[in-house]
PDB file of N, CA and C in Angstrom:
ATOM      1  N   MET A   1     -24.944 -20.709  -8.127  1.00  0.00           N
ATOM      2  CA  MET A   1     -24.164 -19.885  -9.017  1.00  0.00           C
ATOM      3  C   MET A   1     -23.272 -18.917  -8.239  1.00  0.00           C
ATOM      4  N   ALA A   2     -23.755 -18.422  -7.093  1.00  0.00           N
ATOM      5  CA  ALA A   2     -22.977 -17.463  -6.303  1.00  0.00           C
ATOM      6  C   ALA A   2     -21.654 -18.062  -5.844  1.00  0.00           C
ATOM      7  N   ARG A   3     -21.661 -19.328  -5.443  1.00  0.00           N
ATOM      8  CA  ARG A   3     -20.408 -19.972  -5.018  1.00  0.00           C
ATOM      9  C   ARG A   3     -19.427 -20.104  -6.169  1.00  0.00           C
ATOM     10  N   GLU A   4     -19.949 -20.482  -7.337  1.00  0.00           N
ATOM     11  CA  GLU A   4     -19.096 -20.588  -8.515  1.00  0.00           C
ATOM     12  C   GLU A   4     -18.497 -19.231  -8.856  1.00  0.00           C
ATOM     13  N   PHE A   5     -19.309 -18.197  -8.746  1.00  0.00           N
ATOM     14  CA  PHE A   5     -18.823 -16.853  -9.041  1.00  0.00           C
ATOM     15  C   PHE A   5     -17.745 -16.436  -8.051  1.00  0.00           C
ATOM     16  N   THR A   6     -17.987 -16.672  -6.769  1.00  0.00           N
ATOM     17  CA  THR A   6     -17.003 -16.327  -5.740  1.00  0.00           C
ATOM     18  C   THR A   6     -15.687 -17.062  -5.987  1.00  0.00           C
ATOM     19  N   ALA A   7     -15.759 -18.323  -6.371  1.00  0.00           N
ATOM     20  CA  ALA A   7     -14.546 -19.084  -6.690  1.00  0.00           C
ATOM     21  C   ALA A   7     -13.838 -18.483  -7.906  1.00  0.00           C
ATOM     22  N   ALA A   8     -14.598 -18.079  -8.907  1.00  0.00           N
ATOM     23  CA  ALA A   8     -14.013 -17.483 -10.113  1.00  0.00           C
ATOM     24  C   ALA A   8     -13.321 -16.161  -9.795  1.00  0.00           C
ATOM     25  N   LEU A   9     -13.845 -15.412  -8.841  1.00  0.00           N
ATOM     26  CA  LEU A   9     -13.220 -14.138  -8.449  1.00  0.00           C
ATOM     27  C   LEU A   9     -11.803 -14.345  -7.954  1.00  0.00           C
ATOM     28  N   GLN A  10     -11.578 -15.448  -7.277  1.00  0.00           N
ATOM     29  CA  GLN A  10     -10.265 -15.714  -6.700  1.00  0.00           C
ATOM     30  C   GLN A  10      -9.218 -16.034  -7.754  1.00  0.00           C
ATOM     31  N   GLU A  11      -9.674 -16.284  -8.977  1.00  0.00           N
ATOM     32  CA  GLU A  11      -8.760 -16.662 -10.052  1.00  0.00           C
ATOM     33  C   GLU A  11      -8.509 -15.545 -11.052  1.00  0.00           C
ATOM     34  N   THR A  12      -8.970 -14.328 -10.742  1.00  0.00           N
ATOM     35  CA  THR A  12      -8.816 -13.232 -11.704  1.00  0.00           C
ATOM     36  C   THR A  12      -8.642 -11.903 -10.981  1.00  0.00           C
ATOM     37  N   SER A  13      -8.084 -10.937 -11.681  1.00  0.00           N
ATOM     38  CA  SER A  13      -7.952  -9.591 -11.118  1.00  0.00           C
ATOM     39  C   SER A  13      -8.826  -8.589 -11.854  1.00  0.00           C
ATOM     40  N   GLU A  14      -9.590  -9.078 -12.832  1.00  0.00           N
ATOM     41  CA  GLU A  14     -10.459  -8.217 -13.623  1.00  0.00           C
ATOM     42  C   GLU A  14     -11.752  -8.968 -13.922  1.00  0.00           C
ATOM     43  N   ILE A  15     -12.863  -8.253 -13.850  1.00  0.00           N
ATOM     44  CA  ILE A  15     -14.165  -8.839 -14.180  1.00  0.00           C
ATOM     45  C   ILE A  15     -14.841  -7.955 -15.217  1.00  0.00           C
ATOM     46  N   ASP A  16     -15.898  -8.473 -15.817  1.00  0.00           N
ATOM     47  CA  ASP A  16     -16.725  -7.675 -16.714  1.00  0.00           C
ATOM     48  C   ASP A  16     -17.994  -7.285 -15.977  1.00  0.00           C
ATOM     49  N   ILE A  17     -18.402  -6.039 -16.148  1.00  0.00           N
ATOM     50  CA  ILE A  17     -19.702  -5.615 -15.642  1.00  0.00           C
ATOM     51  C   ILE A  17     -20.561  -5.246 -16.847  1.00  0.00           C
ATOM     52  N   THR A  18     -21.830  -5.570 -16.748  1.00  0.00           N
ATOM     53  CA  THR A  18     -22.785  -5.223 -17.795  1.00  0.00           C
ATOM     54  C   THR A  18     -23.859  -4.355 -17.164  1.00  0.00           C
ATOM     55  N   VAL A  19     -24.021  -3.162 -17.720  1.00  0.00           N
ATOM     56  CA  VAL A  19     -25.006  -2.196 -17.240  1.00  0.00           C
ATOM     57  C   VAL A  19     -25.952  -1.841 -18.375  1.00  0.00           C
ATOM     58  N   ARG A  20     -27.078  -1.250 -18.041  1.00  0.00           N
ATOM     59  CA  ARG A  20     -28.035  -0.810 -19.055  1.00  0.00           C
ATOM     60  C   ARG A  20     -27.783   0.675 -19.330  1.00  0.00           C
ATOM     61  N   GLY A  21     -27.625   1.003 -20.604  1.00  0.00           N
ATOM     62  CA  GLY A  21     -27.392   2.387 -21.008  1.00  0.00           C
ATOM     63  C   GLY A  21     -28.541   3.289 -20.605  1.00  0.00           C
ATOM     64  N   ARG A  22     -28.229   4.405 -19.986  1.00  0.00           N
ATOM     65  CA  ARG A  22     -29.263   5.310 -19.488  1.00  0.00           C
ATOM     66  C   ARG A  22     -30.013   6.008 -20.611  1.00  0.00           C
ATOM     67  N   VAL A  23     -29.410   6.145 -21.776  1.00  0.00           N
ATOM     68  CA  VAL A  23     -30.057   6.783 -22.919  1.00  0.00           C
ATOM     69  C   VAL A  23     -30.509   5.731 -23.933  1.00  0.00           C
ATOM     70  N   SER A  24     -29.598   4.820 -24.280  1.00  0.00           N
ATOM     71  CA  SER A  24     -29.892   3.832 -25.329  1.00  0.00           C
ATOM     72  C   SER A  24     -30.750   2.677 -24.843  1.00  0.00           C
ATOM     73  N   GLY A  25     -30.655   2.353 -23.549  1.00  0.00           N
ATOM     74  CA  GLY A  25     -31.367   1.193 -23.023  1.00  0.00           C
ATOM     75  C   GLY A  25     -30.683  -0.125 -23.359  1.00  0.00           C
ATOM     76  N   ARG A  26     -29.562  -0.067 -24.095  1.00  0.00           N
ATOM     77  CA  ARG A  26     -28.834  -1.280 -24.474  1.00  0.00           C
ATOM     78  C   ARG A  26     -27.911  -1.728 -23.345  1.00  0.00           C
ATOM     79  N   GLU A  27     -27.611  -3.020 -23.347  1.00  0.00           N
ATOM     80  CA  GLU A  27     -26.641  -3.540 -22.389  1.00  0.00           C
ATOM     81  C   GLU A  27     -25.238  -3.181 -22.866  1.00  0.00           C
ATOM     82  N   ILE A  28     -24.419  -2.716 -21.927  1.00  0.00           N
ATOM     83  CA  ILE A  28     -23.051  -2.301 -22.216  1.00  0.00           C
ATOM     84  C   ILE A  28     -22.132  -3.040 -21.255  1.00  0.00           C
ATOM     85  N   THR A  29     -21.113  -3.695 -21.794  1.00  0.00           N
ATOM     86  CA  THR A  29     -20.183  -4.469 -20.974  1.00  0.00           C
ATOM     87  C   THR A  29     -18.806  -3.824 -21.010  1.00  0.00           C
ATOM     88  N   VAL A  30     -18.214  -3.678 -19.816  1.00  0.00           N
ATOM     89  CA  VAL A  30     -16.867  -3.115 -19.709  1.00  0.00           C
ATOM     90  C   VAL A  30     -16.060  -3.938 -18.702  1.00  0.00           C
ATOM     91  N   PRO A  31     -14.749  -4.080 -18.943  1.00  0.00           N
ATOM     92  CA  PRO A  31     -13.891  -4.745 -17.968  1.00  0.00           C
ATOM     93  C   PRO A  31     -13.513  -3.765 -16.851  1.00  0.00           C
ATOM     94  N   VAL A  32     -13.467  -4.258 -15.625  1.00  0.00           N
ATOM     95  CA  VAL A  32     -13.103  -3.407 -14.487  1.00  0.00           C
ATOM     96  C   VAL A  32     -12.261  -4.186 -13.484  1.00  0.00           C
ATOM     97  N   TRP A  33     -11.474  -3.443 -12.738  1.00  0.00           N
ATOM     98  CA  TRP A  33     -10.797  -4.005 -11.575  1.00  0.00           C
ATOM     99  C   TRP A  33     -11.791  -4.017 -10.422  1.00  0.00           C
ATOM    100  N   PHE A  34     -11.525  -4.825  -9.411  1.00  0.00           N
ATOM    101  CA  PHE A  34     -12.447  -4.957  -8.290  1.00  0.00           C
ATOM    102  C   PHE A  34     -11.680  -5.365  -7.044  1.00  0.00           C
ATOM    103  N   VAL A  35     -12.325  -5.184  -5.900  1.00  0.00           N
ATOM    104  CA  VAL A  35     -11.844  -5.718  -4.630  1.00  0.00           C
ATOM    105  C   VAL A  35     -13.016  -6.449  -4.001  1.00  0.00           C
ATOM    106  N   ALA A  36     -12.830  -7.734  -3.708  1.00  0.00           N
ATOM    107  CA  ALA A  36     -13.878  -8.540  -3.074  1.00  0.00           C
ATOM    108  C   ALA A  36     -13.592  -8.644  -1.585  1.00  0.00           C
ATOM    109  N   ASP A  37     -14.659  -8.519  -0.781  1.00  0.00           N
ATOM    110  CA  ASP A  37     -14.484  -8.565   0.668  1.00  0.00           C
ATOM    111  C   ASP A  37     -15.814  -8.903   1.324  1.00  0.00           C
ATOM    112  N   ALA A  38     -15.891 -10.045   1.977  1.00  0.00           N
ATOM    113  CA  ALA A  38     -17.044 -10.428   2.803  1.00  0.00           C
ATOM    114  C   ALA A  38     -18.391 -10.334   2.083  1.00  0.00           C
ATOM    115  N   GLY A  39     -18.500 -11.007   0.935  1.00  0.00           N
ATOM    116  CA  GLY A  39     -19.770 -11.048   0.229  1.00  0.00           C
ATOM    117  C   GLY A  39     -20.103  -9.791  -0.553  1.00  0.00           C
ATOM    118  N   LYS A  40     -19.135  -8.896  -0.651  1.00  0.00           N
ATOM    119  CA  LYS A  40     -19.337  -7.657  -1.387  1.00  0.00           C
ATOM    120  C   LYS A  40     -18.169  -7.439  -2.335  1.00  0.00           C
ATOM    121  N   ILE A  41     -18.433  -6.658  -3.360  1.00  0.00           N
ATOM    122  CA  ILE A  41     -17.389  -6.266  -4.306  1.00  0.00           C
ATOM    123  C   ILE A  41     -17.394  -4.756  -4.383  1.00  0.00           C
ATOM    124  N   ASP A  42     -16.208  -4.169  -4.283  1.00  0.00           N
ATOM    125  CA  ASP A  42     -16.064  -2.736  -4.449  1.00  0.00           C
ATOM    126  C   ASP A  42     -15.521  -2.455  -5.840  1.00  0.00           C
ATOM    127  N   LEU A  43     -16.095  -1.427  -6.477  1.00  0.00           N
ATOM    128  CA  LEU A  43     -15.673  -1.006  -7.807  1.00  0.00           C
ATOM    129  C   LEU A  43     -15.335   0.480  -7.768  1.00  0.00           C
ATOM    130  N   LEU A  44     -14.337   0.856  -8.555  1.00  0.00           N
ATOM    131  CA  LEU A  44     -13.992   2.268  -8.730  1.00  0.00           C
ATOM    132  C   LEU A  44     -14.166   2.626 -10.201  1.00  0.00           C
ATOM    133  N   PRO A  45     -15.019   3.575 -10.510  1.00  0.00           N
ATOM    134  CA  PRO A  45     -15.101   4.027 -11.896  1.00  0.00           C
ATOM    135  C   PRO A  45     -13.806   4.764 -12.260  1.00  0.00           C
ATOM    136  N   VAL A  46     -13.243   4.465 -13.405  1.00  0.00           N
ATOM    137  CA  VAL A  46     -11.946   5.019 -13.792  1.00  0.00           C
ATOM    138  C   VAL A  46     -11.942   6.542 -13.760  1.00  0.00           C
ATOM    139  N   THR A  47     -12.977   7.171 -14.265  1.00  0.00           N
ATOM    140  CA  THR A  47     -13.035   8.637 -14.229  1.00  0.00           C
ATOM    141  C   THR A  47     -14.088   9.113 -13.228  1.00  0.00           C
ATOM    142  N   GLY A  48     -14.235   8.357 -12.150  1.00  0.00           N
ATOM    143  CA  GLY A  48     -15.128   8.743 -11.070  1.00  0.00           C
ATOM    144  C   GLY A  48     -16.559   8.973 -11.536  1.00  0.00           C
ATOM    145  N   SER A  49     -17.159  10.020 -11.021  1.00  0.00           N
ATOM    146  CA  SER A  49     -18.557  10.306 -11.328  1.00  0.00           C
ATOM    147  C   SER A  49     -18.776  10.690 -12.790  1.00  0.00           C
ATOM    148  N   ASP A  50     -17.704  10.903 -13.546  1.00  0.00           N
ATOM    149  CA  ASP A  50     -17.815  11.187 -14.985  1.00  0.00           C
ATOM    150  C   ASP A  50     -17.880   9.919 -15.830  1.00  0.00           C
ATOM    151  N   SER A  51     -17.617   8.759 -15.237  1.00  0.00           N
ATOM    152  CA  SER A  51     -17.630   7.494 -15.979  1.00  0.00           C
ATOM    153  C   SER A  51     -19.031   7.169 -16.460  1.00  0.00           C
ATOM    154  N   ASP A  52     -19.150   6.806 -17.729  1.00  0.00           N
ATOM    155  CA  ASP A  52     -20.470   6.472 -18.275  1.00  0.00           C
ATOM    156  C   ASP A  52     -21.112   5.300 -17.552  1.00  0.00           C
ATOM    157  N   TRP A  53     -20.329   4.248 -17.237  1.00  0.00           N
ATOM    158  CA  TRP A  53     -20.968   3.105 -16.588  1.00  0.00           C
ATOM    159  C   TRP A  53     -21.496   3.482 -15.211  1.00  0.00           C
ATOM    160  N   TYR A  54     -20.827   4.412 -14.531  1.00  0.00           N
ATOM    161  CA  TYR A  54     -21.322   4.879 -13.234  1.00  0.00           C
ATOM    162  C   TYR A  54     -22.628   5.651 -13.423  1.00  0.00           C
ATOM    163  N   LYS A  55     -22.674   6.527 -14.412  1.00  0.00           N
ATOM    164  CA  LYS A  55     -23.899   7.282 -14.699  1.00  0.00           C
ATOM    165  C   LYS A  55     -25.042   6.331 -15.051  1.00  0.00           C
ATOM    166  N   ASN A  56     -24.723   5.283 -15.797  1.00  0.00           N
ATOM    167  CA  ASN A  56     -25.751   4.287 -16.141  1.00  0.00           C
ATOM    168  C   ASN A  56     -26.272   3.587 -14.893  1.00  0.00           C
ATOM    169  N   LEU A  57     -25.373   3.251 -13.969  1.00  0.00           N
ATOM    170  CA  LEU A  57     -25.803   2.602 -12.721  1.00  0.00           C
ATOM    171  C   LEU A  57     -26.677   3.517 -11.878  1.00  0.00           C
ATOM    172  N   ARG A  58     -26.401   4.797 -11.919  1.00  0.00           N
ATOM    173  CA  ARG A  58     -27.229   5.745 -11.165  1.00  0.00           C
ATOM    174  C   ARG A  58     -28.661   5.751 -11.717  1.00  0.00           C
ATOM    175  N   ALA A  59     -28.785   5.587 -13.022  1.00  0.00           N
ATOM    176  CA  ALA A  59     -30.107   5.569 -13.642  1.00  0.00           C
ATOM    177  C   ALA A  59     -30.816   4.232 -13.444  1.00  0.00           C
ATOM    178  N   THR A  60     -30.059   3.137 -13.508  1.00  0.00           N
ATOM    179  CA  THR A  60     -30.598   1.778 -13.335  1.00  0.00           C
ATOM    180  C   THR A  60     -29.636   1.019 -12.426  1.00  0.00           C
ATOM    181  N   PRO A  61     -29.896   0.993 -11.110  1.00  0.00           N
ATOM    182  CA  PRO A  61     -28.932   0.468 -10.145  1.00  0.00           C
ATOM    183  C   PRO A  61     -28.855  -1.060 -10.028  1.00  0.00           C
ATOM    184  N   GLY A  62     -28.585  -1.709 -11.114  1.00  0.00           N
ATOM    185  CA  GLY A  62     -28.360  -3.153 -11.111  1.00  0.00           C
ATOM    186  C   GLY A  62     -27.344  -3.470 -12.184  1.00  0.00           C
ATOM    187  N   LEU A  63     -26.663  -4.575 -12.025  1.00  0.00           N
ATOM    188  CA  LEU A  63     -25.686  -4.952 -13.035  1.00  0.00           C
ATOM    189  C   LEU A  63     -25.465  -6.445 -13.040  1.00  0.00           C
ATOM    190  N   GLN A  64     -24.804  -6.884 -14.090  1.00  0.00           N
ATOM    191  CA  GLN A  64     -24.379  -8.276 -14.185  1.00  0.00           C
ATOM    192  C   GLN A  64     -22.861  -8.277 -14.056  1.00  0.00           C
ATOM    193  N   LEU A  65     -22.347  -9.178 -13.246  1.00  0.00           N
ATOM    194  CA  LEU A  65     -20.910  -9.346 -13.075  1.00  0.00           C
ATOM    195  C   LEU A  65     -20.516 -10.672 -13.703  1.00  0.00           C
ATOM    196  N   THR A  66     -19.400 -10.692 -14.412  1.00  0.00           N
ATOM    197  CA  THR A  66     -18.920 -11.930 -15.013  1.00  0.00           C
ATOM    198  C   THR A  66     -17.447 -12.102 -14.692  1.00  0.00           C
ATOM    199  N   ALA A  67     -17.119 -13.254 -14.120  1.00  0.00           N
ATOM    200  CA  ALA A  67     -15.733 -13.603 -13.801  1.00  0.00           C
ATOM    201  C   ALA A  67     -15.447 -14.986 -14.366  1.00  0.00           C
ATOM    202  N   ARG A  68     -14.505 -15.060 -15.266  1.00  0.00           N
ATOM    203  CA  ARG A  68     -14.085 -16.329 -15.862  1.00  0.00           C
ATOM    204  C   ARG A  68     -15.280 -17.136 -16.389  1.00  0.00           C
ATOM    205  N   GLY A  69     -16.219 -16.446 -17.052  1.00  0.00           N
ATOM    206  CA  GLY A  69     -17.364 -17.102 -17.678  1.00  0.00           C
ATOM    207  C   GLY A  69     -18.545 -17.370 -16.767  1.00  0.00           C
ATOM    208  N   VAL A  70     -18.427 -17.040 -15.484  1.00  0.00           N
ATOM    209  CA  VAL A  70     -19.516 -17.251 -14.527  1.00  0.00           C
ATOM    210  C   VAL A  70     -20.143 -15.889 -14.222  1.00  0.00           C
ATOM    211  N   SER A  71     -21.472 -15.783 -14.356  1.00  0.00           N
ATOM    212  CA  SER A  71     -22.150 -14.500 -14.173  1.00  0.00           C
ATOM    213  C   SER A  71     -23.166 -14.540 -13.045  1.00  0.00           C
ATOM    214  N   VAL A  72     -23.324 -13.389 -12.388  1.00  0.00           N
ATOM    215  CA  VAL A  72     -24.379 -13.178 -11.395  1.00  0.00           C
ATOM    216  C   VAL A  72     -24.961 -11.788 -11.618  1.00  0.00           C
ATOM    217  N   THR A  73     -26.194 -11.615 -11.194  1.00  0.00           N
ATOM    218  CA  THR A  73     -26.845 -10.313 -11.245  1.00  0.00           C
ATOM    219  C   THR A  73     -26.938  -9.785  -9.825  1.00  0.00           C
ATOM    220  N   ALA A  74     -26.681  -8.481  -9.667  1.00  0.00           N
ATOM    221  CA  ALA A  74     -26.663  -7.915  -8.322  1.00  0.00           C
ATOM    222  C   ALA A  74     -27.156  -6.474  -8.335  1.00  0.00           C
ATOM    223  N   ARG A  75     -27.543  -6.015  -7.159  1.00  0.00           N
ATOM    224  CA  ARG A  75     -27.896  -4.606  -6.963  1.00  0.00           C
ATOM    225  C   ARG A  75     -26.650  -3.878  -6.475  1.00  0.00           C
ATOM    226  N   VAL A  76     -26.646  -2.584  -6.662  1.00  0.00           N
ATOM    227  CA  VAL A  76     -25.475  -1.793  -6.294  1.00  0.00           C
ATOM    228  C   VAL A  76     -25.857  -0.646  -5.375  1.00  0.00           C
ATOM    229  N   THR A  77     -24.870  -0.166  -4.650  1.00  0.00           N
ATOM    230  CA  THR A  77     -25.021   1.018  -3.821  1.00  0.00           C
ATOM    231  C   THR A  77     -23.915   1.994  -4.205  1.00  0.00           C
ATOM    232  N   PRO A  78     -24.259   3.148  -4.753  1.00  0.00           N
ATOM    233  CA  PRO A  78     -23.234   4.159  -5.032  1.00  0.00           C
ATOM    234  C   PRO A  78     -22.664   4.686  -3.716  1.00  0.00           C
ATOM    235  N   ILE A  79     -21.373   4.883  -3.678  1.00  0.00           N
ATOM    236  CA  ILE A  79     -20.686   5.403  -2.496  1.00  0.00           C
ATOM    237  C   ILE A  79     -20.154   6.793  -2.857  1.00  0.00           C
ATOM    238  N   THR A  80     -20.598   7.811  -2.124  1.00  0.00           N
ATOM    239  CA  THR A  80     -20.171   9.171  -2.421  1.00  0.00           C
ATOM    240  C   THR A  80     -19.476   9.847  -1.240  1.00  0.00           C
ATOM    241  N   ASP A  81     -19.585   9.272  -0.047  1.00  0.00           N
ATOM    242  CA  ASP A  81     -18.927   9.846   1.122  1.00  0.00           C
ATOM    243  C   ASP A  81     -17.407   9.786   0.920  1.00  0.00           C
ATOM    244  N   PRO A  82     -16.712  10.920   1.006  1.00  0.00           N
ATOM    245  CA  PRO A  82     -15.271  10.928   0.745  1.00  0.00           C
ATOM    246  C   PRO A  82     -14.467   9.949   1.609  1.00  0.00           C
ATOM    247  N   GLY A  83     -14.847   9.784   2.860  1.00  0.00           N
ATOM    248  CA  GLY A  83     -14.141   8.846   3.729  1.00  0.00           C
ATOM    249  C   GLY A  83     -14.311   7.407   3.277  1.00  0.00           C
ATOM    250  N   ASP A  84     -15.535   7.052   2.907  1.00  0.00           N
ATOM    251  CA  ASP A  84     -15.812   5.693   2.436  1.00  0.00           C
ATOM    252  C   ASP A  84     -15.132   5.424   1.094  1.00  0.00           C
ATOM    253  N   VAL A  85     -15.168   6.417   0.202  1.00  0.00           N
ATOM    254  CA  VAL A  85     -14.478   6.269  -1.080  1.00  0.00           C
ATOM    255  C   VAL A  85     -12.979   6.105  -0.837  1.00  0.00           C
ATOM    256  N   GLY A  86     -12.436   6.879   0.086  1.00  0.00           N
ATOM    257  CA  GLY A  86     -11.008   6.781   0.417  1.00  0.00           C
ATOM    258  C   GLY A  86     -10.613   5.394   0.910  1.00  0.00           C
ATOM    259  N   GLU A  87     -11.482   4.773   1.696  1.00  0.00           N
ATOM    260  CA  GLU A  87     -11.211   3.408   2.163  1.00  0.00           C
ATOM    261  C   GLU A  87     -11.144   2.431   0.990  1.00  0.00           C
ATOM    262  N   ILE A  88     -12.069   2.589   0.051  1.00  0.00           N
ATOM    263  CA  ILE A  88     -12.087   1.704  -1.118  1.00  0.00           C
ATOM    264  C   ILE A  88     -10.860   1.951  -1.988  1.00  0.00           C
ATOM    265  N   VAL A  89     -10.485   3.207  -2.167  1.00  0.00           N
ATOM    266  CA  VAL A  89      -9.262   3.511  -2.922  1.00  0.00           C
ATOM    267  C   VAL A  89      -8.066   2.849  -2.243  1.00  0.00           C
ATOM    268  N   GLY A  90      -8.029   2.865  -0.929  1.00  0.00           N
ATOM    269  CA  GLY A  90      -6.957   2.207  -0.193  1.00  0.00           C
ATOM    270  C   GLY A  90      -6.910   0.710  -0.455  1.00  0.00           C
ATOM    271  N   LYS A  91      -8.070   0.073  -0.543  1.00  0.00           N
ATOM    272  CA  LYS A  91      -8.130  -1.360  -0.862  1.00  0.00           C
ATOM    273  C   LYS A  91      -7.598  -1.621  -2.276  1.00  0.00           C
ATOM    274  N   PHE A  92      -7.944  -0.741  -3.213  1.00  0.00           N
ATOM    275  CA  PHE A  92      -7.442  -0.880  -4.583  1.00  0.00           C
ATOM    276  C   PHE A  92      -5.924  -0.708  -4.618  1.00  0.00           C
ATOM    277  N   ARG A  93      -5.404   0.256  -3.868  1.00  0.00           N
ATOM    278  CA  ARG A  93      -3.947   0.459  -3.807  1.00  0.00           C
ATOM    279  C   ARG A  93      -3.256  -0.775  -3.245  1.00  0.00           C
ATOM    280  N   ALA A  94      -3.845  -1.366  -2.213  1.00  0.00           N
ATOM    281  CA  ALA A  94      -3.246  -2.561  -1.600  1.00  0.00           C
ATOM    282  C   ALA A  94      -3.243  -3.734  -2.575  1.00  0.00           C
ATOM    283  N   LYS A  95      -4.293  -3.867  -3.370  1.00  0.00           N
ATOM    284  CA  LYS A  95      -4.399  -5.004  -4.284  1.00  0.00           C
ATOM    285  C   LYS A  95      -3.604  -4.802  -5.571  1.00  0.00           C
ATOM    286  N   TYR A  96      -3.710  -3.622  -6.163  1.00  0.00           N
ATOM    287  CA  TYR A  96      -3.147  -3.397  -7.493  1.00  0.00           C
ATOM    288  C   TYR A  96      -1.864  -2.560  -7.490  1.00  0.00           C
ATOM    289  N   GLY A  97      -1.560  -1.910  -6.367  1.00  0.00           N
ATOM    290  CA  GLY A  97      -0.384  -1.051  -6.275  1.00  0.00           C
ATOM    291  C   GLY A  97      -0.771   0.415  -6.394  1.00  0.00           C
ATOM    292  N   ALA A  98      -0.204   1.235  -5.531  1.00  0.00           N
ATOM    293  CA  ALA A  98      -0.533   2.661  -5.514  1.00  0.00           C
ATOM    294  C   ALA A  98      -0.205   3.324  -6.844  1.00  0.00           C
ATOM    295  N   ASP A  99       0.908   2.926  -7.466  1.00  0.00           N
ATOM    296  CA  ASP A  99       1.289   3.535  -8.739  1.00  0.00           C
ATOM    297  C   ASP A  99       0.288   3.214  -9.838  1.00  0.00           C
ATOM    298  N   GLN A 100      -0.234   1.981  -9.857  1.00  0.00           N
ATOM    299  CA  GLN A 100      -1.222   1.592 -10.869  1.00  0.00           C
ATOM    300  C   GLN A 100      -2.544   2.325 -10.667  1.00  0.00           C
ATOM    301  N   VAL A 101      -2.967   2.446  -9.424  1.00  0.00           N
ATOM    302  CA  VAL A 101      -4.219   3.158  -9.132  1.00  0.00           C
ATOM    303  C   VAL A 101      -4.064   4.634  -9.518  1.00  0.00           C
ATOM    304  N   ALA A 102      -2.921   5.226  -9.202  1.00  0.00           N
ATOM    305  CA  ALA A 102      -2.688   6.629  -9.571  1.00  0.00           C
ATOM    306  C   ALA A 102      -2.692   6.801 -11.088  1.00  0.00           C
ATOM    307  N   ALA A 103      -2.138   5.829 -11.808  1.00  0.00           N
ATOM    308  CA  ALA A 103      -2.050   5.922 -13.265  1.00  0.00           C
ATOM    309  C   ALA A 103      -3.402   5.731 -13.952  1.00  0.00           C
ATOM    310  N   TYR A 104      -4.228   4.826 -13.438  1.00  0.00           N
ATOM    311  CA  TYR A 104      -5.472   4.466 -14.125  1.00  0.00           C
ATOM    312  C   TYR A 104      -6.729   5.112 -13.568  1.00  0.00           C
ATOM    313  N   TYR A 105      -6.653   5.702 -12.395  1.00  0.00           N
ATOM    314  CA  TYR A 105      -7.833   6.289 -11.756  1.00  0.00           C
ATOM    315  C   TYR A 105      -7.565   7.769 -11.431  1.00  0.00           C
ATOM    316  N   PRO A 106      -7.668   8.642 -12.431  1.00  0.00           N
ATOM    317  CA  PRO A 106      -7.358  10.056 -12.206  1.00  0.00           C
ATOM    318  C   PRO A 106      -8.374  10.795 -11.328  1.00  0.00           C
ATOM    319  N   LYS A 107      -9.577  10.260 -11.228  1.00  0.00           N
ATOM    320  CA  LYS A 107     -10.616  10.911 -10.417  1.00  0.00           C
ATOM    321  C   LYS A 107     -11.266   9.852  -9.537  1.00  0.00           C
ATOM    322  N   THR A 108     -11.172  10.046  -8.228  1.00  0.00           N
ATOM    323  CA  THR A 108     -11.710   9.051  -7.292  1.00  0.00           C
ATOM    324  C   THR A 108     -12.699   9.709  -6.335  1.00  0.00           C
ATOM    325  N   ASP A 109     -13.767  10.259  -6.897  1.00  0.00           N
ATOM    326  CA  ASP A 109     -14.766  10.930  -6.063  1.00  0.00           C
ATOM    327  C   ASP A 109     -15.949  10.047  -5.699  1.00  0.00           C
ATOM    328  N   VAL A 110     -16.064   8.870  -6.344  1.00  0.00           N
ATOM    329  CA  VAL A 110     -17.162   7.951  -6.053  1.00  0.00           C
ATOM    330  C   VAL A 110     -16.652   6.512  -6.166  1.00  0.00           C
ATOM    331  N   ALA A 111     -17.432   5.608  -5.610  1.00  0.00           N
ATOM    332  CA  ALA A 111     -17.175   4.172  -5.739  1.00  0.00           C
ATOM    333  C   ALA A 111     -18.529   3.474  -5.783  1.00  0.00           C
ATOM    334  N   VAL A 112     -18.500   2.168  -5.983  1.00  0.00           N
ATOM    335  CA  VAL A 112     -19.730   1.397  -6.036  1.00  0.00           C
ATOM    336  C   VAL A 112     -19.527   0.140  -5.198  1.00  0.00           C
ATOM    337  N   GLU A 113     -20.505  -0.144  -4.346  1.00  0.00           N
ATOM    338  CA  GLU A 113     -20.501  -1.388  -3.573  1.00  0.00           C
ATOM    339  C   GLU A 113     -21.541  -2.316  -4.147  1.00  0.00           C
ATOM    340  N   VAL A 114     -21.128  -3.534  -4.444  1.00  0.00           N
ATOM    341  CA  VAL A 114     -22.018  -4.540  -5.006  1.00  0.00           C
ATOM    342  C   VAL A 114     -22.200  -5.626  -3.947  1.00  0.00           C
ATOM    343  N   THR A 115     -23.428  -5.899  -3.584  1.00  0.00           N
ATOM    344  CA  THR A 115     -23.718  -6.995  -2.657  1.00  0.00           C
ATOM    345  C   THR A 115     -24.001  -8.232  -3.471  1.00  0.00           C
ATOM    346  N   LEU A 116     -23.188  -9.261  -3.267  1.00  0.00           N
ATOM    347  CA  LEU A 116     -23.345 -10.493  -4.032  1.00  0.00           C
ATOM    348  C   LEU A 116     -24.551 -11.287  -3.538  1.00  0.00           C
ATOM    349  N   PRO A 117     -25.253 -11.949  -4.459  1.00  0.00           N
ATOM    350  CA  PRO A 117     -26.385 -12.783  -4.034  1.00  0.00           C
ATOM    351  C   PRO A 117     -25.886 -13.983  -3.226  1.00  0.00           C
ATOM    352  N   ASP A 118     -26.752 -14.497  -2.352  1.00  0.00           N
ATOM    353  CA  ASP A 118     -26.382 -15.674  -1.540  1.00  0.00           C
ATOM    354  C   ASP A 118     -26.321 -16.921  -2.364  1.00  0.00           C
TER     355      ASP A 118
END
């Protein structure tokens, strides 16, 4: 499944993530932009540490990723170091354009690294 997912990533610029609600316990799915690099996916919460899906991941650090109908489950690592977050923001700017990142990501104080299963 991991190979199918990796192939699906190459055909899209947006994926769905499904997280467990920290209060409700329900699964919540949201579309997100991503940057894939060497078996990992970087995510930026749109409103940084204020994003609900980020808060949910902090409470339950696992998620489901879906790209073009192919899903995988993965663990996540929150990134809070300003230098590391800045590198990820730079990758997003390179992929989506600096103007788009500035328009859609008003707060970039955190990021999330997802390690894809083998």
